[in-house]
């Protein structure tokens, strides 16, 4: 699994002009991609990493201050641009494999006590954010 994590002061995701998930105040926007060999164990490890990641003000984590997370599926994180100008998506897991694993990350975060908002898997989403810092990390588990 791969995640792009941004510390945000606010973030939202819209589908068809309607906000489907939003966080206000300090928190994390997490774009999650799934590849073919990912499993529930990796989803658990990613959730634990996100919940404990100390990148909020004062080197605090979401778990320290109860900060919310907005999790958005993003198959393009596994795009390959090494050849030519058109990315290939062969490393991205297909929807029927990826969707339950993105859901597993969200479920694990909620089990840990996190407030989690989400996008809509497979939808054409518009993501808005105010990156705070800016801080952006790429996490592979």
Protein backbone atom coordinates (compact mmCIF):
# COMPACT_ATOMS: atom_id res chain seq x y z
CA UNK A 1 0.00 0.00 0.00
CA UNK A 2 1.07 3.52 -0.67
CA UNK A 3 -0.20 6.71 0.91
CA UNK A 4 0.45 10.35 0.24
CA UNK A 5 -0.15 12.17 3.51
CA UNK A 6 -0.60 15.92 3.79
CA UNK A 7 -0.93 17.87 7.00
CA UNK A 8 -3.90 20.14 6.39
CA UNK A 9 -5.78 22.91 8.15
CA UNK A 10 -8.88 21.88 6.18
CA UNK A 11 -9.78 19.50 3.38
CA UNK A 12 -12.83 18.23 1.54
CA UNK A 13 -13.80 15.88 -1.25
CA UNK A 14 -16.77 16.43 -3.56
CA UNK A 15 -18.60 14.20 -6.03
CA UNK A 16 -20.96 15.75 -8.58
CA UNK A 17 -20.72 19.12 -6.82
CA UNK A 18 -21.71 17.69 -3.41
CA UNK A 19 -19.28 17.48 -0.48
CA UNK A 20 -19.11 13.83 0.60
CA UNK A 21 -16.32 14.14 3.17
CA UNK A 22 -14.63 17.04 4.92
CA UNK A 23 -12.40 17.87 7.86
CA UNK A 24 -11.97 21.30 9.39
CA UNK A 25 -9.12 22.14 11.70
CA UNK A 26 -5.72 20.45 11.88
CA UNK A 27 -5.65 16.93 10.51
CA UNK A 28 -4.43 14.74 7.69
CA UNK A 29 -5.52 14.24 4.10
CA UNK A 30 -4.51 10.71 3.10
CA UNK A 31 -4.55 9.51 -0.51
CA UNK A 32 -4.37 5.69 -0.50
CA UNK A 33 -3.27 3.45 -3.36
CA UNK A 34 -3.39 -0.35 -3.42
CA UNK A 35 -1.20 -2.73 -5.41
CA UNK A 36 -1.61 -6.43 -6.20
CA UNK A 37 0.17 -7.97 -3.19
CA UNK A 38 -1.50 -5.81 -0.53
CA UNK A 39 -3.56 -7.45 2.20
CA UNK A 40 -5.41 -6.77 5.46
CA UNK A 41 -2.14 -6.84 7.42
CA UNK A 42 -0.74 -3.99 5.36
CA UNK A 43 -3.99 -2.07 5.83
CA UNK A 44 -3.61 -2.46 9.63
CA UNK A 45 0.03 -1.33 9.52
CA UNK A 46 -0.82 1.69 7.39
CA UNK A 47 -3.67 2.71 9.71
CA UNK A 48 -1.40 2.43 12.77
CA UNK A 49 1.32 4.46 11.03
CA UNK A 50 -1.14 7.20 10.06
CA UNK A 51 -2.71 7.37 13.53
CA UNK A 52 0.67 7.67 15.24
CA UNK A 53 2.53 9.80 12.69
CA UNK A 54 3.99 12.78 14.57
CA UNK A 55 3.67 15.55 11.96
CA UNK A 56 1.10 17.84 13.55
CA UNK A 57 2.14 21.00 15.42
CA UNK A 58 4.46 20.31 18.32
CA UNK A 59 5.40 16.91 16.87
CA UNK A 60 1.99 15.56 17.88
CA UNK A 61 0.09 12.79 16.13
CA UNK A 62 -3.60 12.47 15.33
CA UNK A 63 -3.81 10.03 18.24
CA UNK A 64 -2.27 12.61 20.61
CA UNK A 65 -4.77 15.37 19.81
CA UNK A 66 -7.75 13.57 18.28
CA UNK A 67 -7.16 15.16 14.88
CA UNK A 68 -9.39 13.94 12.02
CA UNK A 69 -8.32 12.24 8.80
CA UNK A 70 -9.81 12.45 5.32
CA UNK A 71 -9.03 9.22 3.42
CA UNK A 72 -9.40 9.20 -0.37
CA UNK A 73 -8.72 6.23 -2.66
CA UNK A 74 -6.15 7.05 -5.35
CA UNK A 75 -5.18 4.30 -7.81
CA UNK A 76 -2.92 6.74 -9.67
CA UNK A 77 -0.34 6.48 -6.86
CA UNK A 78 0.79 3.33 -8.65
CA UNK A 79 1.09 4.99 -12.06
CA UNK A 80 4.31 4.20 -13.91
CA UNK A 81 5.80 6.98 -16.04
CA UNK A 82 9.20 5.46 -16.82
CA UNK A 83 8.36 4.88 -20.50
CA UNK A 84 6.85 7.46 -22.79
CA UNK A 85 4.44 10.19 -21.81
CA UNK A 86 1.38 8.13 -20.94
CA UNK A 87 1.33 6.49 -17.49
CA UNK A 88 0.49 2.83 -17.14
CA UNK A 89 -1.63 1.61 -14.26
CA UNK A 90 -0.68 -2.08 -14.25
CA UNK A 91 0.76 -1.90 -10.71
CA UNK A 92 -2.56 -0.62 -9.31
CA UNK A 93 -4.87 -3.31 -7.97
CA UNK A 94 -8.28 -3.55 -9.69
CA UNK A 95 -11.30 -2.06 -7.94
CA UNK A 96 -12.68 -5.32 -6.50
CA UNK A 97 -9.31 -5.90 -4.77
CA UNK A 98 -8.53 -2.30 -3.85
CA UNK A 99 -11.86 -1.10 -2.47
CA UNK A 100 -12.05 -3.54 0.47
CA UNK A 101 -8.46 -2.71 1.42
CA UNK A 102 -9.06 1.05 1.40
CA UNK A 103 -12.16 0.35 3.51
CA UNK A 104 -9.97 -1.76 5.83
CA UNK A 105 -7.61 1.19 6.41
CA UNK A 106 -10.61 3.36 7.32
CA UNK A 107 -12.08 0.66 9.58
CA UNK A 108 -8.76 0.13 11.36
CA UNK A 109 -8.36 3.89 11.92
CA UNK A 110 -11.84 4.03 13.43
CA UNK A 111 -11.05 1.04 15.68
CA UNK A 112 -8.03 3.00 16.93
CA UNK A 113 -10.36 5.88 17.84
CA UNK A 114 -9.89 8.13 14.81
CA UNK A 115 -12.52 10.41 13.30
CA UNK A 116 -12.37 9.55 9.60
CA UNK A 117 -14.11 11.08 6.60
CA UNK A 118 -13.86 9.50 3.15
CA UNK A 119 -14.35 10.02 -0.52
CA UNK A 120 -16.34 7.66 -2.78
CA UNK A 121 -14.34 4.78 -4.23
CA UNK A 122 -14.10 4.93 -8.02
CA UNK A 123 -15.93 8.25 -8.32
CA UNK A 124 -14.68 11.33 -10.15
CA UNK A 125 -13.72 13.30 -7.03
CA UNK A 126 -12.64 16.87 -6.54
CA UNK A 127 -10.29 17.21 -3.57
CA UNK A 128 -9.72 20.59 -1.94
CA UNK A 129 -7.15 21.21 0.75
CA UNK A 130 -5.09 23.78 2.56
CA UNK A 131 -1.71 22.13 3.08
CA UNK A 132 -0.31 23.25 6.44
CA UNK A 133 3.44 23.68 6.53
CA UNK A 134 3.51 22.51 3.79
CA UNK A 135 4.07 18.94 4.91
CA UNK A 136 3.61 16.08 2.44
CA UNK A 137 4.95 12.54 2.91
CA UNK A 138 4.86 9.35 0.88
CA UNK A 139 4.43 6.18 2.95
CA UNK A 140 4.89 2.66 1.60
CA UNK A 141 3.97 -0.35 3.75
